[in-house]
């Protein structure tokens, strides 16, 4: 998966990421709660987590679509 540009990059602190009972990643950032299915997550090459989205775009539920999500394996 190709991630987007630097403007869409948002570094994440581990405290912003949780897992639900289905093992989806739940990311709380900039007033949004974004759900990222486990199978969509890309392994991070630098042991940091990041999410890529454009906060000016919104889906039908009012959330920005996630272009890419990277996190260390096993998070």
PDB file of N, CA and C in Angstrom:
ATOM      1  N   UNK A   1       0.850  -1.169   0.000  1.00  0.00           N
ATOM      2  CA  UNK A   1       0.000   0.000   0.000  1.00  0.00           C
ATOM      3  C   UNK A   1       0.896   1.233   0.000  1.00  0.00           C
ATOM      4  N   UNK A   2       0.587   2.171  -0.817  1.00  0.00           N
ATOM      5  CA  UNK A   2       1.337   3.427  -0.825  1.00  0.00           C
ATOM      6  C   UNK A   2       0.632   4.425   0.067  1.00  0.00           C
ATOM      7  N   UNK A   3       1.376   4.986   0.979  1.00  0.00           N
ATOM      8  CA  UNK A   3       0.804   6.000   1.847  1.00  0.00           C
ATOM      9  C   UNK A   3       0.888   7.351   1.160  1.00  0.00           C
ATOM     10  N   UNK A   4       0.245   8.278   1.759  1.00  0.00           N
ATOM     11  CA  UNK A   4       0.106   9.585   1.118  1.00  0.00           C
ATOM     12  C   UNK A   4       1.219  10.531   1.530  1.00  0.00           C
ATOM     13  N   UNK A   5       1.013  11.795   1.230  1.00  0.00           N
ATOM     14  CA  UNK A   5       2.037  12.793   1.458  1.00  0.00           C
ATOM     15  C   UNK A   5       2.225  13.165   2.910  1.00  0.00           C
ATOM     16  N   UNK A   6       3.247  13.949   3.139  1.00  0.00           N
ATOM     17  CA  UNK A   6       3.636  14.362   4.482  1.00  0.00           C
ATOM     18  C   UNK A   6       2.506  15.098   5.207  1.00  0.00           C
ATOM     19  N   UNK A   7       1.676  15.835   4.478  1.00  0.00           N
ATOM     20  CA  UNK A   7       0.582  16.573   5.121  1.00  0.00           C
ATOM     21  C   UNK A   7      -0.464  15.632   5.722  1.00  0.00           C
ATOM     22  N   UNK A   8      -0.540  14.414   5.220  1.00  0.00           N
ATOM     23  CA  UNK A   8      -1.508  13.446   5.714  1.00  0.00           C
ATOM     24  C   UNK A   8      -0.950  12.597   6.859  1.00  0.00           C
ATOM     25  N   UNK A   9       0.328  12.750   7.161  1.00  0.00           N
ATOM     26  CA  UNK A   9       1.019  11.964   8.187  1.00  0.00           C
ATOM     27  C   UNK A   9       0.717  12.504   9.578  1.00  0.00           C
ATOM     28  N   UNK A  10       0.359  11.592  10.483  1.00  0.00           N
ATOM     29  CA  UNK A  10       0.112  11.957  11.878  1.00  0.00           C
ATOM     30  C   UNK A  10       0.807  10.921  12.758  1.00  0.00           C
ATOM     31  N   UNK A  11       1.839  11.345  13.475  1.00  0.00           N
ATOM     32  CA  UNK A  11       2.534  10.449  14.404  1.00  0.00           C
ATOM     33  C   UNK A  11       1.595  10.126  15.558  1.00  0.00           C
ATOM     34  N   UNK A  12       1.710   8.908  16.065  1.00  0.00           N
ATOM     35  CA  UNK A  12       0.844   8.475  17.154  1.00  0.00           C
ATOM     36  C   UNK A  12       1.657   8.084  18.379  1.00  0.00           C
ATOM     37  N   UNK A  13       1.137   8.437  19.521  1.00  0.00           N
ATOM     38  CA  UNK A  13       1.663   7.972  20.798  1.00  0.00           C
ATOM     39  C   UNK A  13       0.943   6.655  21.100  1.00  0.00           C
ATOM     40  N   UNK A  14       1.607   5.681  21.689  1.00  0.00           N
ATOM     41  CA  UNK A  14       0.931   4.412  21.993  1.00  0.00           C
ATOM     42  C   UNK A  14      -0.370   4.578  22.776  1.00  0.00           C
ATOM     43  N   UNK A  15      -0.467   5.622  23.590  1.00  0.00           N
ATOM     44  CA  UNK A  15      -1.689   5.830  24.376  1.00  0.00           C
ATOM     45  C   UNK A  15      -2.896   6.169  23.503  1.00  0.00           C
ATOM     46  N   UNK A  16      -2.671   6.539  22.247  1.00  0.00           N
ATOM     47  CA  UNK A  16      -3.763   6.874  21.328  1.00  0.00           C
ATOM     48  C   UNK A  16      -4.316   5.654  20.602  1.00  0.00           C
ATOM     49  N   UNK A  17      -3.711   4.485  20.800  1.00  0.00           N
ATOM     50  CA  UNK A  17      -4.090   3.286  20.060  1.00  0.00           C
ATOM     51  C   UNK A  17      -4.589   2.222  21.032  1.00  0.00           C
ATOM     52  N   UNK A  18      -5.720   1.655  20.725  1.00  0.00           N
ATOM     53  CA  UNK A  18      -6.290   0.570  21.519  1.00  0.00           C
ATOM     54  C   UNK A  18      -6.768  -0.510  20.555  1.00  0.00           C
ATOM     55  N   UNK A  19      -7.049  -1.681  21.080  1.00  0.00           N
ATOM     56  CA  UNK A  19      -7.618  -2.771  20.277  1.00  0.00           C
ATOM     57  C   UNK A  19      -9.011  -3.071  20.804  1.00  0.00           C
ATOM     58  N   UNK A  20      -9.939  -3.397  19.888  1.00  0.00           N
ATOM     59  CA  UNK A  20     -11.268  -3.805  20.332  1.00  0.00           C
ATOM     60  C   UNK A  20     -11.350  -5.327  20.368  1.00  0.00           C
ATOM     61  N   UNK A  21     -12.500  -5.865  20.685  1.00  0.00           N
ATOM     62  CA  UNK A  21     -12.652  -7.317  20.833  1.00  0.00           C
ATOM     63  C   UNK A  21     -12.450  -8.069  19.520  1.00  0.00           C
ATOM     64  N   UNK A  22     -12.582  -7.373  18.380  1.00  0.00           N
ATOM     65  CA  UNK A  22     -12.338  -7.979  17.069  1.00  0.00           C
ATOM     66  C   UNK A  22     -10.901  -7.777  16.597  1.00  0.00           C
ATOM     67  N   UNK A  23     -10.056  -7.221  17.468  1.00  0.00           N
ATOM     68  CA  UNK A  23      -8.647  -6.933  17.197  1.00  0.00           C
ATOM     69  C   UNK A  23      -8.442  -5.811  16.186  1.00  0.00           C
ATOM     70  N   UNK A  24      -9.484  -4.995  15.936  1.00  0.00           N
ATOM     71  CA  UNK A  24      -9.312  -3.777  15.150  1.00  0.00           C
ATOM     72  C   UNK A  24      -8.490  -2.796  15.976  1.00  0.00           C
ATOM     73  N   UNK A  25      -7.781  -1.916  15.302  1.00  0.00           N
ATOM     74  CA  UNK A  25      -7.079  -0.834  15.983  1.00  0.00           C
ATOM     75  C   UNK A  25      -8.047   0.340  16.115  1.00  0.00           C
ATOM     76  N   UNK A  26      -8.153   0.881  17.299  1.00  0.00           N
ATOM     77  CA  UNK A  26      -8.978   2.059  17.561  1.00  0.00           C
ATOM     78  C   UNK A  26      -8.008   3.195  17.849  1.00  0.00           C
ATOM     79  N   UNK A  27      -8.042   4.216  17.010  1.00  0.00           N
ATOM     80  CA  UNK A  27      -7.095   5.329  17.104  1.00  0.00           C
ATOM     81  C   UNK A  27      -7.859   6.605  17.441  1.00  0.00           C
ATOM     82  N   UNK A  28      -7.479   7.238  18.536  1.00  0.00           N
ATOM     83  CA  UNK A  28      -8.066   8.515  18.941  1.00  0.00           C
ATOM     84  C   UNK A  28      -7.072   9.615  18.610  1.00  0.00           C
ATOM     85  N   UNK A  29      -7.481  10.489  17.677  1.00  0.00           N
ATOM     86  CA  UNK A  29      -6.579  11.567  17.250  1.00  0.00           C
ATOM     87  C   UNK A  29      -7.392  12.751  16.738  1.00  0.00           C
ATOM     88  N   UNK A  30      -6.971  13.938  17.123  1.00  0.00           N
ATOM     89  CA  UNK A  30      -7.561  15.191  16.635  1.00  0.00           C
ATOM     90  C   UNK A  30      -9.086  15.227  16.744  1.00  0.00           C
ATOM     91  N   UNK A  31      -9.627  14.652  17.812  1.00  0.00           N
ATOM     92  CA  UNK A  31     -11.073  14.655  18.009  1.00  0.00           C
ATOM     93  C   UNK A  31     -11.807  13.559  17.248  1.00  0.00           C
ATOM     94  N   UNK A  32     -11.093  12.721  16.546  1.00  0.00           N
ATOM     95  CA  UNK A  32     -11.691  11.617  15.806  1.00  0.00           C
ATOM     96  C   UNK A  32     -11.362  10.299  16.490  1.00  0.00           C
ATOM     97  N   UNK A  33     -12.269   9.352  16.388  1.00  0.00           N
ATOM     98  CA  UNK A  33     -12.003   7.969  16.759  1.00  0.00           C
ATOM     99  C   UNK A  33     -12.076   7.173  15.473  1.00  0.00           C
ATOM    100  N   UNK A  34     -10.932   6.677  15.027  1.00  0.00           N
ATOM    101  CA  UNK A  34     -10.830   5.981  13.747  1.00  0.00           C
ATOM    102  C   UNK A  34     -10.628   4.494  13.986  1.00  0.00           C
ATOM    103  N   UNK A  35     -11.348   3.674  13.240  1.00  0.00           N
ATOM    104  CA  UNK A  35     -11.252   2.218  13.355  1.00  0.00           C
ATOM    105  C   UNK A  35     -10.474   1.702  12.152  1.00  0.00           C
ATOM    106  N   UNK A  36      -9.403   0.983  12.440  1.00  0.00           N
ATOM    107  CA  UNK A  36      -8.558   0.417  11.387  1.00  0.00           C
ATOM    108  C   UNK A  36      -8.567  -1.106  11.551  1.00  0.00           C
ATOM    109  N   UNK A  37      -9.114  -1.843  10.572  1.00  0.00           N
ATOM    110  CA  UNK A  37      -9.108  -3.302  10.680  1.00  0.00           C
ATOM    111  C   UNK A  37      -7.677  -3.842  10.779  1.00  0.00           C
ATOM    112  N   UNK A  38      -7.511  -4.889  11.570  1.00  0.00           N
ATOM    113  CA  UNK A  38      -6.187  -5.457  11.798  1.00  0.00           C
ATOM    114  C   UNK A  38      -5.486  -5.804  10.483  1.00  0.00           C
ATOM    115  N   UNK A  39      -6.215  -6.340   9.516  1.00  0.00           N
ATOM    116  CA  UNK A  39      -5.621  -6.754   8.253  1.00  0.00           C
ATOM    117  C   UNK A  39      -5.151  -5.610   7.373  1.00  0.00           C
ATOM    118  N   UNK A  40      -5.526  -4.382   7.695  1.00  0.00           N
ATOM    119  CA  UNK A  40      -5.129  -3.209   6.915  1.00  0.00           C
ATOM    120  C   UNK A  40      -3.830  -2.600   7.444  1.00  0.00           C
ATOM    121  N   UNK A  41      -3.505  -2.882   8.697  1.00  0.00           N
ATOM    122  CA  UNK A  41      -2.318  -2.298   9.322  1.00  0.00           C
ATOM    123  C   UNK A  41      -1.049  -2.778   8.618  1.00  0.00           C
ATOM    124  N   UNK A  42      -0.152  -1.839   8.391  1.00  0.00           N
ATOM    125  CA  UNK A  42       1.151  -2.123   7.786  1.00  0.00           C
ATOM    126  C   UNK A  42       2.201  -2.164   8.888  1.00  0.00           C
ATOM    127  N   UNK A  43       3.206  -3.021   8.779  1.00  0.00           N
ATOM    128  CA  UNK A  43       4.258  -3.031   9.800  1.00  0.00           C
ATOM    129  C   UNK A  43       5.116  -1.768   9.718  1.00  0.00           C
ATOM    130  N   UNK A  44       5.409  -1.210  10.852  1.00  0.00           N
ATOM    131  CA  UNK A  44       6.252  -0.024  10.933  1.00  0.00           C
ATOM    132  C   UNK A  44       7.718  -0.438  10.814  1.00  0.00           C
ATOM    133  N   UNK A  45       8.473   0.329  10.072  1.00  0.00           N
ATOM    134  CA  UNK A  45       9.902   0.022   9.912  1.00  0.00           C
ATOM    135  C   UNK A  45      10.759   0.711  10.972  1.00  0.00           C
ATOM    136  N   UNK A  46      10.182   1.645  11.724  1.00  0.00           N
ATOM    137  CA  UNK A  46      10.961   2.387  12.713  1.00  0.00           C
ATOM    138  C   UNK A  46      10.440   2.207  14.145  1.00  0.00           C
ATOM    139  N   UNK A  47       9.592   1.205  14.372  1.00  0.00           N
ATOM    140  CA  UNK A  47       9.014   0.925  15.687  1.00  0.00           C
ATOM    141  C   UNK A  47       8.138   2.055  16.217  1.00  0.00           C
ATOM    142  N   UNK A  48       7.676   2.920  15.341  1.00  0.00           N
ATOM    143  CA  UNK A  48       6.750   3.988  15.712  1.00  0.00           C
ATOM    144  C   UNK A  48       5.418   3.740  15.011  1.00  0.00           C
ATOM    145  N   UNK A  49       4.360   4.322  15.542  1.00  0.00           N
ATOM    146  CA  UNK A  49       3.047   4.214  14.912  1.00  0.00           C
ATOM    147  C   UNK A  49       2.692   5.525  14.252  1.00  0.00           C
ATOM    148  N   UNK A  50       2.032   5.419  13.105  1.00  0.00           N
ATOM    149  CA  UNK A  50       1.592   6.603  12.370  1.00  0.00           C
ATOM    150  C   UNK A  50       0.316   6.255  11.609  1.00  0.00           C
ATOM    151  N   UNK A  51      -0.504   7.264  11.416  1.00  0.00           N
ATOM    152  CA  UNK A  51      -1.720   7.109  10.631  1.00  0.00           C
ATOM    153  C   UNK A  51      -1.731   8.220   9.595  1.00  0.00           C
ATOM    154  N   UNK A  52      -2.233   7.902   8.421  1.00  0.00           N
ATOM    155  CA  UNK A  52      -2.277   8.860   7.325  1.00  0.00           C
ATOM    156  C   UNK A  52      -3.731   9.114   6.955  1.00  0.00           C
ATOM    157  N   UNK A  53      -4.146  10.366   7.079  1.00  0.00           N
ATOM    158  CA  UNK A  53      -5.487  10.764   6.659  1.00  0.00           C
ATOM    159  C   UNK A  53      -5.487  12.262   6.415  1.00  0.00           C
ATOM    160  N   UNK A  54      -6.447  12.705   5.616  1.00  0.00           N
ATOM    161  CA  UNK A  54      -6.624  14.128   5.353  1.00  0.00           C
ATOM    162  C   UNK A  54      -7.805  14.580   6.205  1.00  0.00           C
ATOM    163  N   UNK A  55      -7.568  15.426   7.207  1.00  0.00           N
ATOM    164  CA  UNK A  55      -8.660  15.829   8.094  1.00  0.00           C
ATOM    165  C   UNK A  55      -9.736  16.664   7.402  1.00  0.00           C
ATOM    166  N   UNK A  56      -9.487  17.107   6.183  1.00  0.00           N
ATOM    167  CA  UNK A  56     -10.479  17.894   5.455  1.00  0.00           C
ATOM    168  C   UNK A  56     -11.445  17.020   4.653  1.00  0.00           C
ATOM    169  N   UNK A  57     -11.154  15.718   4.513  1.00  0.00           N
ATOM    170  CA  UNK A  57     -12.037  14.782   3.826  1.00  0.00           C
ATOM    171  C   UNK A  57     -12.820  13.992   4.868  1.00  0.00           C
ATOM    172  N   UNK A  58     -14.086  13.683   4.572  1.00  0.00           N
ATOM    173  CA  UNK A  58     -14.914  12.937   5.521  1.00  0.00           C
ATOM    174  C   UNK A  58     -15.766  11.908   4.798  1.00  0.00           C
ATOM    175  N   UNK A  59     -15.963  10.771   5.455  1.00  0.00           N
ATOM    176  CA  UNK A  59     -16.839   9.745   4.907  1.00  0.00           C
ATOM    177  C   UNK A  59     -18.275  10.057   5.324  1.00  0.00           C
ATOM    178  N   UNK A  60     -19.198   9.171   5.044  1.00  0.00           N
ATOM    179  CA  UNK A  60     -20.601   9.392   5.362  1.00  0.00           C
ATOM    180  C   UNK A  60     -20.887   9.520   6.843  1.00  0.00           C
ATOM    181  N   UNK A  61     -19.977   9.033   7.683  1.00  0.00           N
ATOM    182  CA  UNK A  61     -20.142   9.145   9.127  1.00  0.00           C
ATOM    183  C   UNK A  61     -19.434  10.356   9.717  1.00  0.00           C
ATOM    184  N   UNK A  62     -18.812  11.169   8.869  1.00  0.00           N
ATOM    185  CA  UNK A  62     -18.118  12.359   9.344  1.00  0.00           C
ATOM    186  C   UNK A  62     -16.688  12.132   9.767  1.00  0.00           C
ATOM    187  N   UNK A  63     -16.151  10.938   9.492  1.00  0.00           N
ATOM    188  CA  UNK A  63     -14.768  10.620   9.842  1.00  0.00           C
ATOM    189  C   UNK A  63     -13.881  10.714   8.613  1.00  0.00           C
ATOM    190  N   UNK A  64     -12.642  11.134   8.787  1.00  0.00           N
ATOM    191  CA  UNK A  64     -11.735  11.128   7.639  1.00  0.00           C
ATOM    192  C   UNK A  64     -11.343   9.686   7.297  1.00  0.00           C
ATOM    193  N   UNK A  65     -11.330   9.327   6.013  1.00  0.00           N
ATOM    194  CA  UNK A  65     -10.888   7.978   5.655  1.00  0.00           C
ATOM    195  C   UNK A  65      -9.391   7.819   5.898  1.00  0.00           C
ATOM    196  N   UNK A  66      -9.023   6.676   6.424  1.00  0.00           N
ATOM    197  CA  UNK A  66      -7.623   6.362   6.706  1.00  0.00           C
ATOM    198  C   UNK A  66      -6.989   5.832   5.433  1.00  0.00           C
ATOM    199  N   UNK A  67      -5.893   6.472   5.005  1.00  0.00           N
ATOM    200  CA  UNK A  67      -5.172   6.036   3.815  1.00  0.00           C
ATOM    201  C   UNK A  67      -4.176   4.938   4.144  1.00  0.00           C
ATOM    202  N   UNK A  68      -3.600   5.003   5.345  1.00  0.00           N
ATOM    203  CA  UNK A  68      -2.571   4.049   5.733  1.00  0.00           C
ATOM    204  C   UNK A  68      -2.416   4.116   7.247  1.00  0.00           C
ATOM    205  N   UNK A  69      -2.097   2.968   7.848  1.00  0.00           N
ATOM    206  CA  UNK A  69      -1.832   2.902   9.273  1.00  0.00           C
ATOM    207  C   UNK A  69      -0.632   1.989   9.465  1.00  0.00           C
ATOM    208  N   UNK A  70       0.383   2.486  10.155  1.00  0.00           N
ATOM    209  CA  UNK A  70       1.598   1.724  10.405  1.00  0.00           C
ATOM    210  C   UNK A  70       1.811   1.602  11.911  1.00  0.00           C
ATOM    211  N   UNK A  71       2.156   0.404  12.343  1.00  0.00           N
ATOM    212  CA  UNK A  71       2.429   0.188  13.757  1.00  0.00           C
ATOM    213  C   UNK A  71       3.408  -0.969  13.885  1.00  0.00           C
ATOM    214  N   UNK A  72       4.170  -1.018  14.959  1.00  0.00           N
ATOM    215  CA  UNK A  72       5.107  -2.130  15.119  1.00  0.00           C
ATOM    216  C   UNK A  72       4.365  -3.467  15.161  1.00  0.00           C
ATOM    217  N   UNK A  73       4.942  -4.507  14.604  1.00  0.00           N
ATOM    218  CA  UNK A  73       4.319  -5.841  14.666  1.00  0.00           C
ATOM    219  C   UNK A  73       4.064  -6.247  16.116  1.00  0.00           C
ATOM    220  N   UNK A  74       2.924  -6.842  16.349  1.00  0.00           N
ATOM    221  CA  UNK A  74       2.583  -7.308  17.686  1.00  0.00           C
ATOM    222  C   UNK A  74       1.967  -6.278  18.598  1.00  0.00           C
ATOM    223  N   UNK A  75       1.735  -5.065  18.097  1.00  0.00           N
ATOM    224  CA  UNK A  75       1.135  -4.025  18.940  1.00  0.00           C
ATOM    225  C   UNK A  75      -0.275  -4.440  19.280  1.00  0.00           C
TER     226      UNK A  75
END
